[in-house]
Amino acid sequence: MRRLDGRTQDQLREVLLQRNYLPQAEGSCLITIGNTKVICTASVEERVPPFLKGSGQGWVTAEYSMLPRSTSERSPRETRGPGGRTMEIQRLIGRSLRAIVDLNGLGERSITIDCDVLSADGGTRTAAITGAYVALVDAVRWMTAQRWIQKSPVEGMVAAVSVGVVQGAEVLDLCYEEDRQASVDMNIVATDKGRYIEVQGTAEGIPFDRSTLNRLLDLAHHGIQHLIKAQREVLELA
């Protein structure tokens, strides 16, 4: 299969992570993957949701939105609250980050990650998770510098990528046009240890078999390892 942008089947689009993109936030990152761009900001607050008051435990949550012209045609703003797709993505981002954070280590504090899509060309939710991790780590570093906490409660790394079957070929990191044509579309969230947080997979037509699933998971693992390497480099992790 010849991909639209000339990539091989197991090749990510060009990835760029820019830390501290918004200096007002405790942590921030602009992630660019091909023509998809997402600003991720992490805000620290000394409060928790009502269900956690008095527990000594912190919270990590996320909000997600798309600018009206992040797509080829204008989309209305969600002024009456997030729609179903937005809620699904917000919850996915939050789950993905909480999976690698010791919430007790935050104390009764919240970190809210805002993921705002500037340009959408496929893979916005996976880009948001990957960029949000960078913003989260910098927010925790800020908390440590302020002596709000003694050590980082972040216990691992997390990144996400899409895979799918397009014109009979198994491919990594689908752009919008490939996603639109895909007979199988999957989003995979995993840690740096190769453990899965979320596996979202759908057949748009003919059901797929176990061997296809295994190959797609291998392809996703390959992509996630490259994304985690990029995170390590930008965060200057050993």
Protein backbone atom coordinates (compact mmCIF):
# COMPACT_ATOMS: atom_id res chain seq x y z
CA MET A 1 0.00 0.00 0.00
CA ARG A 2 1.22 3.50 -0.86
CA ARG A 3 0.19 5.90 1.90
CA LEU A 4 -1.02 9.40 1.09
CA ASP A 5 2.05 11.08 2.61
CA GLY A 6 4.57 8.48 1.45
CA ARG A 7 5.14 6.90 4.87
CA THR A 8 5.79 3.20 5.36
CA GLN A 9 3.09 1.17 7.08
CA ASP A 10 4.92 1.20 10.44
CA GLN A 11 6.01 4.85 10.36
CA LEU A 12 4.71 7.66 12.57
CA ARG A 13 4.11 11.11 11.20
CA GLU A 14 6.71 13.69 12.26
CA VAL A 15 6.40 14.31 16.02
CA LEU A 16 7.32 17.56 17.80
CA LEU A 17 6.84 18.19 21.53
CA GLN A 18 7.31 21.78 22.75
CA ARG A 19 7.46 22.14 26.54
CA ASN A 20 6.40 25.23 28.48
CA TYR A 21 4.42 26.48 25.50
CA LEU A 22 2.14 28.59 27.72
CA PRO A 23 4.22 30.17 30.52
CA GLN A 24 1.19 30.93 32.69
CA ALA A 25 0.45 27.23 33.32
CA GLU A 26 2.27 25.01 35.80
CA GLY A 27 2.90 22.64 32.91
CA SER A 28 2.21 22.89 29.19
CA CYS A 29 3.08 21.24 25.89
CA LEU A 30 2.24 21.83 22.25
CA ILE A 31 2.26 18.47 20.51
CA THR A 32 2.43 18.32 16.73
CA ILE A 33 1.96 15.01 14.91
CA GLY A 34 1.82 15.62 11.18
CA ASN A 35 -0.91 18.21 10.69
CA THR A 36 -2.54 17.51 14.06
CA LYS A 37 -1.72 20.08 16.75
CA VAL A 38 -2.93 20.03 20.36
CA ILE A 39 -2.08 22.42 23.22
CA CYS A 40 -2.03 20.61 26.57
CA THR A 41 -1.91 22.65 29.79
CA ALA A 42 -1.74 21.39 33.37
CA SER A 43 -3.22 23.52 36.16
CA VAL A 44 -2.65 22.77 39.85
CA GLU A 45 -5.30 23.63 42.43
CA GLU A 46 -5.33 23.11 46.20
CA ARG A 47 -8.73 21.48 46.21
CA VAL A 48 -10.32 18.20 45.18
CA PRO A 49 -13.79 17.10 44.05
CA PRO A 50 -16.34 16.77 46.87
CA PHE A 51 -16.14 12.98 46.89
CA LEU A 52 -12.44 13.18 47.85
CA LYS A 53 -12.61 15.84 50.58
CA GLY A 54 -10.97 14.61 53.77
CA SER A 55 -9.50 11.55 52.07
CA GLY A 56 -5.95 12.87 51.76
CA GLN A 57 -6.01 11.83 48.12
CA GLY A 58 -5.53 14.01 45.07
CA TRP A 59 -7.10 13.92 41.63
CA VAL A 60 -6.07 14.16 37.99
CA THR A 61 -8.70 15.00 35.40
CA ALA A 62 -8.91 16.35 31.86
CA GLU A 63 -10.97 18.53 29.57
CA TYR A 64 -10.87 18.38 25.77
CA SER A 65 -12.11 20.70 23.06
CA MET A 66 -11.62 21.45 19.38
CA LEU A 67 -11.36 24.94 17.95
CA PRO A 68 -14.16 25.64 15.45
CA ARG A 69 -11.76 25.70 12.48
CA SER A 70 -9.47 22.90 13.58
CA THR A 71 -11.24 20.88 10.87
CA SER A 72 -11.91 21.50 7.18
CA GLU A 73 -15.33 22.96 7.95
CA ARG A 74 -16.31 25.04 10.97
CA SER A 75 -17.71 23.10 13.92
CA PRO A 76 -19.97 24.95 16.41
CA ARG A 77 -18.55 25.62 19.87
CA GLU A 78 -19.97 23.40 22.61
CA THR A 79 -21.41 26.32 24.56
CA ARG A 80 -24.04 24.16 26.25
CA GLY A 81 -21.51 21.71 27.61
CA PRO A 82 -19.47 18.88 26.11
CA GLY A 83 -21.16 16.46 23.74
CA GLY A 84 -20.94 12.69 23.90
CA ARG A 85 -17.72 12.36 21.87
CA THR A 86 -16.02 15.10 23.90
CA MET A 87 -17.03 13.50 27.20
CA GLU A 88 -15.70 10.14 26.03
CA ILE A 89 -12.32 11.65 25.09
CA GLN A 90 -12.05 13.67 28.31
CA ARG A 91 -12.63 10.57 30.39
CA LEU A 92 -10.12 8.61 28.33
CA ILE A 93 -7.41 11.24 28.88
CA GLY A 94 -8.13 11.40 32.60
CA ARG A 95 -8.05 7.59 32.99
CA SER A 96 -4.82 7.37 31.04
CA LEU A 97 -3.03 9.86 33.29
CA ARG A 98 -4.41 8.56 36.59
CA ALA A 99 -3.11 5.11 35.68
CA ILE A 100 0.48 6.28 36.14
CA VAL A 101 0.02 8.63 39.14
CA ASP A 102 -0.03 7.76 42.84
CA LEU A 103 -2.98 9.96 43.78
CA ASN A 104 -2.16 9.72 47.48
CA GLY A 105 1.18 11.35 46.70
CA LEU A 106 -0.54 14.53 45.51
CA GLY A 107 -2.23 15.25 48.81
CA GLU A 108 -5.63 16.91 48.51
CA ARG A 109 -4.77 18.72 45.29
CA SER A 110 -6.07 18.48 41.74
CA ILE A 111 -4.29 18.67 38.41
CA THR A 112 -6.55 19.52 35.49
CA ILE A 113 -5.22 18.92 32.00
CA ASP A 114 -6.83 21.04 29.27
CA CYS A 115 -6.34 19.65 25.76
CA ASP A 116 -7.31 22.09 23.01
CA VAL A 117 -7.08 20.94 19.40
CA LEU A 118 -5.74 23.65 17.09
CA SER A 119 -5.59 21.51 13.97
CA ALA A 120 -7.19 18.10 13.47
CA ASP A 121 -5.88 15.61 10.92
CA GLY A 122 -6.61 12.37 12.73
CA GLY A 123 -5.37 11.06 16.07
CA THR A 124 -6.40 14.04 18.20
CA ARG A 125 -7.22 11.96 21.27
CA THR A 126 -3.99 9.98 21.10
CA ALA A 127 -1.95 13.16 20.55
CA ALA A 128 -3.74 14.75 23.52
CA ILE A 129 -2.76 11.87 25.82
CA THR A 130 0.86 11.92 24.65
CA GLY A 131 1.19 15.69 25.06
CA ALA A 132 -0.76 15.73 28.33
CA TYR A 133 1.82 13.46 29.91
CA VAL A 134 4.56 16.04 29.28
CA ALA A 135 2.43 18.84 30.76
CA LEU A 136 1.60 16.65 33.78
CA VAL A 137 5.25 15.90 34.55
CA ASP A 138 6.18 19.58 34.42
CA ALA A 139 3.24 20.48 36.70
CA VAL A 140 4.43 17.89 39.23
CA ARG A 141 7.97 19.26 38.98
CA TRP A 142 6.54 22.71 39.75
CA MET A 143 4.76 21.28 42.81
CA THR A 144 8.00 19.74 44.00
CA ALA A 145 9.89 23.02 43.51
CA GLN A 146 7.20 24.82 45.54
CA ARG A 147 7.63 22.16 48.26
CA TRP A 148 3.96 21.23 48.08
CA ILE A 149 5.10 17.62 47.74
CA GLN A 150 8.40 15.94 48.58
CA LYS A 151 8.68 13.64 45.59
CA SER A 152 6.96 13.03 42.27
CA PRO A 153 3.88 10.79 42.42
CA VAL A 154 4.28 9.99 38.70
CA GLU A 155 5.15 6.30 38.60
CA GLY A 156 5.54 5.64 34.90
CA MET A 157 5.05 7.00 31.41
CA VAL A 158 2.07 6.87 29.07
CA ALA A 159 1.53 7.53 25.38
CA ALA A 160 -1.10 6.66 22.79
CA VAL A 161 -1.34 6.01 19.07
CA SER A 162 -3.83 4.92 16.44
CA VAL A 163 -3.54 1.87 14.21
CA GLY A 164 -5.88 0.43 11.63
CA VAL A 165 -6.52 -1.49 8.45
CA VAL A 166 -6.71 0.70 5.35
CA GLN A 167 -7.20 -0.84 1.89
CA GLY A 168 -6.23 -4.20 3.37
CA ALA A 169 -2.97 -2.95 4.91
CA GLU A 170 -2.22 -2.64 8.62
CA VAL A 171 -0.90 0.87 9.27
CA LEU A 172 0.34 3.01 12.15
CA ASP A 173 -0.78 6.55 13.08
CA LEU A 174 -3.71 7.21 10.74
CA CYS A 175 -4.26 10.67 9.29
CA TYR A 176 -7.86 11.82 8.81
CA GLU A 177 -8.21 10.54 5.24
CA GLU A 178 -6.85 7.12 6.21
CA ASP A 179 -9.13 7.03 9.25
CA ARG A 180 -12.10 7.82 7.01
CA GLN A 181 -11.26 4.87 4.75
CA ALA A 182 -10.29 2.40 7.50
CA SER A 183 -12.08 -0.94 7.73
CA VAL A 184 -10.60 -1.36 11.22
CA ASP A 185 -9.78 1.59 13.48
CA MET A 186 -8.05 1.30 16.87
CA ASN A 187 -6.70 3.64 19.54
CA ILE A 188 -4.16 2.14 21.94
CA VAL A 189 -2.99 3.69 25.23
CA ALA A 190 -0.06 2.00 26.97
CA THR A 191 2.70 2.60 29.48
CA ASP A 192 6.44 2.56 28.95
CA LYS A 193 6.40 -0.97 30.41
CA GLY A 194 4.13 -2.15 27.59
CA ARG A 195 1.05 -2.49 29.79
CA TYR A 196 -2.28 -1.44 28.32
CA ILE A 197 -4.54 1.23 29.78
CA GLU A 198 -7.07 1.30 26.96
CA VAL A 199 -7.66 -0.64 23.75
CA GLN A 200 -10.43 0.83 21.59
CA GLY A 201 -11.06 -1.12 18.41
CA THR A 202 -13.87 -1.13 15.86
CA ALA A 203 -14.53 -2.96 12.61
CA GLU A 204 -16.35 -0.70 10.19
CA GLY A 205 -17.34 -3.58 7.93
CA ILE A 206 -16.07 -7.16 8.03
CA PRO A 207 -15.10 -8.31 11.56
CA PHE A 208 -11.39 -8.80 12.13
CA ASP A 209 -9.71 -11.89 13.58
CA ARG A 210 -7.37 -12.49 16.50
CA SER A 211 -4.25 -12.57 14.35
CA THR A 212 -5.07 -9.12 12.92
CA LEU A 213 -5.60 -7.80 16.45
CA ASN A 214 -2.23 -9.16 17.54
CA ARG A 215 -0.44 -7.57 14.59
CA LEU A 216 -2.14 -4.22 15.25
CA LEU A 217 -1.12 -4.37 18.90
CA ASP A 218 2.48 -5.05 17.84
CA LEU A 219 2.32 -2.10 15.45
CA ALA A 220 0.94 0.14 18.20
CA HIS A 221 3.68 -1.00 20.61
CA HIS A 222 6.29 0.01 18.04
CA GLY A 223 4.73 3.48 17.68
CA ILE A 224 4.24 4.04 21.41
CA GLN A 225 7.88 3.22 22.12
CA HIS A 226 8.91 5.93 19.66
CA LEU A 227 6.55 8.43 21.30
CA ILE A 228 7.86 7.59 24.77
CA LYS A 229 11.40 8.11 23.51
CA ALA A 230 10.37 11.59 22.30
CA GLN A 231 8.80 12.30 25.71
CA ARG A 232 11.97 11.19 27.49
CA GLU A 233 14.10 13.44 25.34
CA VAL A 234 12.00 16.58 25.76
CA LEU A 235 11.62 16.01 29.53
CA GLU A 236 15.33 15.17 29.84
CA LEU A 237 14.59 11.90 31.58
CA ALA A 238 17.32 9.31 32.00
